[in-house]
Amino acid sequence: QVQLVESGGGLVQAGDSLTLSCTASGRTFGSYAMGWFRQAPGKEREIVAGISGGGGITYYTDAVKGRFIVSRDNIKKVVSLQMNSVRPEDTADYYCAADLRRTGSVPLFVNEYKYWGQGTQVTVSS
C-alpha cells in the first residue's frame, strides 16, 4: 500500500515558476515508478511527466518538454515537479501516481497506475 499527498499548487501568472511535491508513505519508495498527471476541466487526465524508481529514466509530454523537470528524493520519499515558464494552458488539477509493478521504466497511461494522490490545483493567469 502507498499513500500519496500532493502539495504546492496555487495561482500564478504566466511565465512564473511553481514546484509541486508529492510525499509518499508506505512501501519502499525507490522501488516503483511515479507519474505526474493533470486534468483540465472537461478534458481527460493526461500524463505530464514520469520518473523511474531509481530516477534514471524520465518522461515528459511534448507540451512541457524544456519547461518542467521531474525529480525524486528516495530518502525523503518525495517526487517533485518543477514547473517553469508556466502558461495558461497548464491550468489543471495535478495528480501524482505510483505504479508499484515497475522500477526501471515509466508507465504512460492512467490505467497503469494504481495509487493516486488527491490532487492539487494549479491556475495560471495570463
N, C-alpha and C. Protein backbone atom coordinates (compact mmCIF):
# COMPACT_ATOMS: atom_id res chain seq x y z
N GLN A 1 0.84 -1.19 0.00
CA GLN A 1 0.00 0.00 0.00
C GLN A 1 0.87 1.24 0.00
N VAL A 2 0.40 2.24 -0.72
CA VAL A 2 1.10 3.52 -0.81
C VAL A 2 0.09 4.63 -0.64
N GLN A 3 0.45 5.62 0.14
CA GLN A 3 -0.36 6.82 0.28
C GLN A 3 0.42 7.99 -0.31
N LEU A 4 -0.27 8.81 -1.09
CA LEU A 4 0.37 9.92 -1.78
C LEU A 4 -0.35 11.22 -1.44
N VAL A 5 0.41 12.25 -1.14
CA VAL A 5 -0.16 13.55 -0.82
C VAL A 5 0.58 14.62 -1.61
N GLU A 6 -0.16 15.34 -2.46
CA GLU A 6 0.43 16.42 -3.24
C GLU A 6 0.33 17.74 -2.49
N SER A 7 1.24 18.64 -2.83
CA SER A 7 1.20 19.99 -2.30
C SER A 7 1.89 20.92 -3.28
N GLY A 8 1.68 22.22 -3.08
CA GLY A 8 2.40 23.20 -3.87
C GLY A 8 1.61 23.90 -4.95
N GLY A 9 0.36 23.51 -5.14
CA GLY A 9 -0.44 24.17 -6.16
C GLY A 9 -0.82 25.58 -5.75
N GLY A 10 -1.39 26.31 -6.69
CA GLY A 10 -1.82 27.67 -6.39
C GLY A 10 -2.09 28.47 -7.64
N LEU A 11 -2.24 29.76 -7.44
CA LEU A 11 -2.50 30.69 -8.54
C LEU A 11 -1.21 31.42 -8.86
N VAL A 12 -0.80 31.33 -10.11
CA VAL A 12 0.42 32.00 -10.55
C VAL A 12 0.14 32.72 -11.87
N GLN A 13 1.06 33.58 -12.25
CA GLN A 13 0.94 34.28 -13.52
C GLN A 13 1.76 33.58 -14.60
N ALA A 14 1.35 33.76 -15.82
CA ALA A 14 2.09 33.19 -16.93
C ALA A 14 3.55 33.63 -16.86
N GLY A 15 4.43 32.66 -17.08
CA GLY A 15 5.86 32.94 -17.02
C GLY A 15 6.49 32.65 -15.68
N ASP A 16 5.68 32.47 -14.66
CA ASP A 16 6.20 32.19 -13.33
C ASP A 16 6.65 30.73 -13.22
N SER A 17 7.23 30.43 -12.07
CA SER A 17 7.63 29.06 -11.75
C SER A 17 6.87 28.58 -10.53
N LEU A 18 6.69 27.28 -10.47
CA LEU A 18 5.94 26.66 -9.38
C LEU A 18 6.46 25.24 -9.23
N THR A 19 6.59 24.79 -7.99
CA THR A 19 7.05 23.42 -7.76
C THR A 19 5.99 22.64 -6.99
N LEU A 20 5.57 21.55 -7.55
CA LEU A 20 4.66 20.63 -6.89
C LEU A 20 5.45 19.52 -6.22
N SER A 21 4.97 19.09 -5.08
CA SER A 21 5.61 17.99 -4.36
C SER A 21 4.60 16.90 -4.08
N CYS A 22 5.08 15.68 -4.06
CA CYS A 22 4.24 14.53 -3.72
C CYS A 22 5.01 13.70 -2.70
N THR A 23 4.45 13.59 -1.54
CA THR A 23 5.08 12.83 -0.47
C THR A 23 4.40 11.48 -0.35
N ALA A 24 5.22 10.44 -0.31
CA ALA A 24 4.70 9.08 -0.26
C ALA A 24 4.94 8.45 1.09
N SER A 25 4.08 7.55 1.46
CA SER A 25 4.29 6.75 2.66
C SER A 25 3.92 5.32 2.32
N GLY A 26 4.50 4.41 3.07
CA GLY A 26 4.21 3.00 2.82
C GLY A 26 5.43 2.29 2.25
N ARG A 27 5.21 1.57 1.21
CA ARG A 27 6.22 0.71 0.60
C ARG A 27 7.48 1.47 0.20
N THR A 28 8.61 0.78 0.16
CA THR A 28 9.90 1.36 -0.17
C THR A 28 9.80 2.23 -1.42
N PHE A 29 10.06 3.52 -1.26
CA PHE A 29 9.78 4.49 -2.30
C PHE A 29 10.59 4.26 -3.56
N GLY A 30 11.82 3.88 -3.43
CA GLY A 30 12.68 3.76 -4.60
C GLY A 30 12.41 2.55 -5.45
N SER A 31 11.43 1.75 -5.09
CA SER A 31 11.18 0.51 -5.82
C SER A 31 10.09 0.65 -6.88
N TYR A 32 9.55 1.83 -7.07
CA TYR A 32 8.47 1.95 -8.05
C TYR A 32 8.48 3.28 -8.79
N ALA A 33 7.88 3.22 -9.99
CA ALA A 33 7.82 4.41 -10.84
C ALA A 33 6.74 5.37 -10.34
N MET A 34 6.95 6.64 -10.64
CA MET A 34 5.99 7.68 -10.27
C MET A 34 5.65 8.51 -11.49
N GLY A 35 4.42 8.97 -11.53
CA GLY A 35 4.00 9.84 -12.61
C GLY A 35 3.28 11.07 -12.10
N TRP A 36 3.37 12.12 -12.87
CA TRP A 36 2.56 13.34 -12.64
C TRP A 36 1.56 13.45 -13.80
N PHE A 37 0.31 13.59 -13.43
CA PHE A 37 -0.76 13.74 -14.40
C PHE A 37 -1.47 15.07 -14.16
N ARG A 38 -2.24 15.50 -15.14
CA ARG A 38 -3.08 16.67 -14.95
C ARG A 38 -4.41 16.46 -15.66
N GLN A 39 -5.39 17.16 -15.13
CA GLN A 39 -6.72 17.08 -15.71
C GLN A 39 -7.34 18.47 -15.69
N ALA A 40 -7.55 19.00 -16.88
CA ALA A 40 -8.19 20.30 -17.02
C ALA A 40 -9.69 20.09 -17.10
N PRO A 41 -10.48 21.12 -16.77
CA PRO A 41 -11.94 20.99 -16.82
C PRO A 41 -12.41 20.53 -18.19
N GLY A 42 -13.22 19.48 -18.20
CA GLY A 42 -13.77 18.98 -19.43
C GLY A 42 -12.84 18.13 -20.26
N LYS A 43 -11.66 17.87 -19.74
CA LYS A 43 -10.69 17.08 -20.50
C LYS A 43 -10.31 15.81 -19.74
N GLU A 44 -9.73 14.88 -20.46
CA GLU A 44 -9.28 13.65 -19.83
C GLU A 44 -7.97 13.87 -19.08
N ARG A 45 -7.74 13.03 -18.11
CA ARG A 45 -6.48 13.08 -17.38
C ARG A 45 -5.36 12.62 -18.30
N GLU A 46 -4.25 13.35 -18.27
CA GLU A 46 -3.13 13.03 -19.14
C GLU A 46 -1.83 13.06 -18.37
N ILE A 47 -0.87 12.29 -18.85
CA ILE A 47 0.42 12.29 -18.19
C ILE A 47 1.18 13.56 -18.55
N VAL A 48 1.87 14.10 -17.58
CA VAL A 48 2.71 15.29 -17.78
C VAL A 48 4.18 14.88 -17.76
N ALA A 49 4.54 14.09 -16.76
CA ALA A 49 5.92 13.65 -16.60
C ALA A 49 5.94 12.40 -15.75
N GLY A 50 7.02 11.64 -15.86
CA GLY A 50 7.17 10.45 -15.05
C GLY A 50 8.63 10.17 -14.78
N ILE A 51 8.87 9.36 -13.77
CA ILE A 51 10.25 9.06 -13.39
C ILE A 51 10.32 7.63 -12.87
N SER A 52 11.37 6.93 -13.25
CA SER A 52 11.54 5.55 -12.82
C SER A 52 11.93 5.49 -11.34
N GLY A 53 11.92 4.28 -10.80
CA GLY A 53 12.17 4.11 -9.38
C GLY A 53 13.51 4.67 -8.92
N GLY A 54 14.54 4.45 -9.70
CA GLY A 54 15.85 4.95 -9.35
C GLY A 54 16.11 6.36 -9.79
N GLY A 55 15.21 6.91 -10.59
CA GLY A 55 15.34 8.28 -11.07
C GLY A 55 16.12 8.43 -12.36
N GLY A 56 16.62 7.32 -12.90
CA GLY A 56 17.47 7.41 -14.08
C GLY A 56 16.73 7.58 -15.38
N ILE A 57 15.45 7.31 -15.38
CA ILE A 57 14.64 7.44 -16.60
C ILE A 57 13.52 8.41 -16.32
N THR A 58 13.36 9.39 -17.20
CA THR A 58 12.28 10.35 -17.07
C THR A 58 11.52 10.44 -18.39
N TYR A 59 10.29 10.92 -18.27
CA TYR A 59 9.45 11.13 -19.45
C TYR A 59 8.75 12.47 -19.29
N TYR A 60 8.61 13.18 -20.42
CA TYR A 60 7.85 14.43 -20.45
C TYR A 60 6.95 14.43 -21.67
N THR A 61 5.73 14.85 -21.49
CA THR A 61 4.89 15.05 -22.64
C THR A 61 5.40 16.25 -23.42
N ASP A 62 5.15 16.26 -24.72
CA ASP A 62 5.72 17.31 -25.57
C ASP A 62 5.39 18.72 -25.09
N ALA A 63 4.20 18.88 -24.54
CA ALA A 63 3.74 20.22 -24.16
C ALA A 63 4.57 20.85 -23.04
N VAL A 64 5.30 20.03 -22.29
CA VAL A 64 6.05 20.57 -21.15
C VAL A 64 7.55 20.37 -21.28
N LYS A 65 8.00 19.73 -22.33
CA LYS A 65 9.43 19.50 -22.52
C LYS A 65 10.17 20.82 -22.54
N GLY A 66 11.26 20.88 -21.81
CA GLY A 66 12.06 22.09 -21.73
C GLY A 66 11.57 23.08 -20.71
N ARG A 67 10.39 22.86 -20.13
CA ARG A 67 9.84 23.77 -19.12
C ARG A 67 9.68 23.10 -17.76
N PHE A 68 9.31 21.85 -17.72
CA PHE A 68 9.06 21.14 -16.46
C PHE A 68 10.21 20.16 -16.19
N ILE A 69 10.48 19.94 -14.93
CA ILE A 69 11.50 18.99 -14.51
C ILE A 69 10.93 18.11 -13.40
N VAL A 70 11.01 16.81 -13.60
CA VAL A 70 10.57 15.86 -12.58
C VAL A 70 11.80 15.29 -11.88
N SER A 71 11.70 15.14 -10.59
CA SER A 71 12.81 14.60 -9.82
C SER A 71 12.26 13.87 -8.60
N ARG A 72 13.11 13.10 -7.97
CA ARG A 72 12.66 12.37 -6.78
C ARG A 72 13.79 12.26 -5.78
N ASP A 73 13.41 12.23 -4.53
CA ASP A 73 14.35 12.02 -3.42
C ASP A 73 13.86 10.77 -2.70
N ASN A 74 14.54 9.67 -2.94
CA ASN A 74 14.07 8.40 -2.40
C ASN A 74 14.29 8.26 -0.90
N ILE A 75 15.13 9.09 -0.34
CA ILE A 75 15.31 9.07 1.12
C ILE A 75 14.17 9.82 1.79
N LYS A 76 13.81 10.96 1.23
CA LYS A 76 12.71 11.75 1.79
C LYS A 76 11.35 11.27 1.29
N LYS A 77 11.35 10.37 0.30
CA LYS A 77 10.12 9.84 -0.26
C LYS A 77 9.27 10.95 -0.89
N VAL A 78 9.92 11.76 -1.68
CA VAL A 78 9.25 12.88 -2.33
C VAL A 78 9.57 12.86 -3.82
N VAL A 79 8.55 13.06 -4.63
CA VAL A 79 8.74 13.31 -6.05
C VAL A 79 8.24 14.73 -6.33
N SER A 80 9.00 15.47 -7.10
CA SER A 80 8.69 16.87 -7.35
C SER A 80 8.50 17.13 -8.83
N LEU A 81 7.72 18.13 -9.11
CA LEU A 81 7.54 18.61 -10.48
C LEU A 81 7.80 20.10 -10.47
N GLN A 82 8.94 20.49 -11.00
CA GLN A 82 9.28 21.90 -11.11
C GLN A 82 8.70 22.42 -12.42
N MET A 83 7.85 23.39 -12.31
CA MET A 83 7.14 23.94 -13.47
C MET A 83 7.66 25.34 -13.74
N ASN A 84 8.36 25.50 -14.83
CA ASN A 84 8.92 26.79 -15.21
C ASN A 84 8.17 27.36 -16.41
N SER A 85 8.21 28.66 -16.53
CA SER A 85 7.58 29.33 -17.67
C SER A 85 6.16 28.82 -17.90
N VAL A 86 5.39 28.81 -16.84
CA VAL A 86 4.04 28.25 -16.95
C VAL A 86 3.18 29.09 -17.88
N ARG A 87 2.21 28.41 -18.45
CA ARG A 87 1.30 29.02 -19.43
C ARG A 87 -0.14 28.83 -18.97
N PRO A 88 -1.06 29.64 -19.46
CA PRO A 88 -2.47 29.44 -19.09
C PRO A 88 -2.96 28.03 -19.39
N GLU A 89 -2.44 27.42 -20.43
CA GLU A 89 -2.87 26.07 -20.78
C GLU A 89 -2.35 25.00 -19.82
N ASP A 90 -1.49 25.39 -18.89
CA ASP A 90 -1.05 24.46 -17.85
C ASP A 90 -2.05 24.40 -16.69
N THR A 91 -3.07 25.23 -16.73
CA THR A 91 -4.08 25.23 -15.69
C THR A 91 -4.79 23.89 -15.63
N ALA A 92 -4.79 23.27 -14.46
CA ALA A 92 -5.39 21.94 -14.30
C ALA A 92 -5.25 21.51 -12.85
N ASP A 93 -5.91 20.42 -12.53
CA ASP A 93 -5.63 19.70 -11.28
C ASP A 93 -4.50 18.73 -11.58
N TYR A 94 -3.49 18.75 -10.73
CA TYR A 94 -2.32 17.92 -10.92
C TYR A 94 -2.31 16.79 -9.89
N TYR A 95 -2.02 15.59 -10.36
CA TYR A 95 -2.04 14.40 -9.52
C TYR A 95 -0.71 13.65 -9.65
N CYS A 96 -0.23 13.13 -8.54
CA CYS A 96 0.87 12.20 -8.63
C CYS A 96 0.30 10.78 -8.49
N ALA A 97 1.02 9.83 -9.06
CA ALA A 97 0.54 8.46 -9.06
C ALA A 97 1.73 7.52 -9.00
N ALA A 98 1.47 6.33 -8.48
CA ALA A 98 2.52 5.32 -8.31
C ALA A 98 2.13 4.02 -8.99
N ASP A 99 3.11 3.44 -9.68
CA ASP A 99 2.95 2.11 -10.26
C ASP A 99 3.93 1.18 -9.57
N LEU A 100 3.42 0.39 -8.65
CA LEU A 100 4.28 -0.46 -7.82
C LEU A 100 4.87 -1.63 -8.59
N ARG A 101 4.40 -1.87 -9.83
CA ARG A 101 4.87 -3.03 -10.57
C ARG A 101 6.17 -2.76 -11.30
N ARG A 102 6.52 -1.48 -11.49
CA ARG A 102 7.67 -1.17 -12.33
C ARG A 102 8.69 -0.31 -11.59
N THR A 103 9.93 -0.65 -11.83
CA THR A 103 11.02 0.12 -11.24
C THR A 103 11.82 0.83 -12.31
N GLY A 104 12.13 0.13 -13.39
CA GLY A 104 13.07 0.62 -14.39
C GLY A 104 12.46 1.24 -15.61
N SER A 105 11.19 1.57 -15.57
CA SER A 105 10.56 2.22 -16.71
C SER A 105 9.51 3.19 -16.21
N VAL A 106 8.91 3.92 -17.14
CA VAL A 106 7.91 4.92 -16.77
C VAL A 106 6.60 4.62 -17.50
N PRO A 107 5.61 4.16 -16.81
CA PRO A 107 4.31 3.95 -17.46
C PRO A 107 3.71 5.28 -17.90
N LEU A 108 2.97 5.25 -18.99
CA LEU A 108 2.47 6.49 -19.58
C LEU A 108 0.96 6.67 -19.47
N PHE A 109 0.26 5.63 -19.07
CA PHE A 109 -1.19 5.69 -19.13
C PHE A 109 -1.84 5.62 -17.76
N VAL A 110 -2.99 6.29 -17.65
CA VAL A 110 -3.70 6.38 -16.39
C VAL A 110 -3.96 5.01 -15.79
N ASN A 111 -4.39 4.07 -16.60
CA ASN A 111 -4.80 2.77 -16.06
C ASN A 111 -3.63 1.89 -15.63
N GLU A 112 -2.42 2.36 -15.82
CA GLU A 112 -1.25 1.61 -15.36
C GLU A 112 -0.87 1.96 -13.93
N TYR A 113 -1.46 3.00 -13.41
CA TYR A 113 -1.15 3.45 -12.06
C TYR A 113 -2.27 3.09 -11.12
N LYS A 114 -1.92 2.46 -10.02
CA LYS A 114 -2.95 2.02 -9.08
C LYS A 114 -3.18 3.01 -7.95
N TYR A 115 -2.13 3.73 -7.56
CA TYR A 115 -2.24 4.61 -6.40
C TYR A 115 -2.15 6.07 -6.84
N TRP A 116 -3.06 6.88 -6.28
CA TRP A 116 -3.17 8.28 -6.69
C TRP A 116 -3.26 9.18 -5.47
N GLY A 117 -2.72 10.37 -5.61
CA GLY A 117 -2.95 11.39 -4.60
C GLY A 117 -4.29 12.06 -4.84
N GLN A 118 -4.60 13.02 -3.98
CA GLN A 118 -5.90 13.68 -4.05
C GLN A 118 -5.90 14.84 -5.03
N GLY A 119 -4.72 15.23 -5.49
CA GLY A 119 -4.63 16.30 -6.47
C GLY A 119 -4.38 17.65 -5.85
N THR A 120 -3.75 18.51 -6.62
CA THR A 120 -3.54 19.90 -6.22
C THR A 120 -3.81 20.78 -7.44
N GLN A 121 -4.48 21.89 -7.20
CA GLN A 121 -4.92 22.73 -8.31
C GLN A 121 -3.86 23.75 -8.67
N VAL A 122 -3.64 23.89 -9.96
CA VAL A 122 -2.74 24.91 -10.48
C VAL A 122 -3.53 25.78 -11.45
N THR A 123 -3.52 27.07 -11.19
CA THR A 123 -4.20 28.01 -12.06
C THR A 123 -3.18 29.04 -12.54
N VAL A 124 -3.08 29.19 -13.86
CA VAL A 124 -2.14 30.13 -14.44
C VAL A 124 -2.93 31.24 -15.12
N SER A 125 -2.73 32.44 -14.64
CA SER A 125 -3.43 33.58 -15.24
C SER A 125 -2.56 34.21 -16.33
N SER A 126 -3.22 34.76 -17.32
CA SER A 126 -2.48 35.38 -18.43
C SER A 126 -2.19 36.84 -18.18
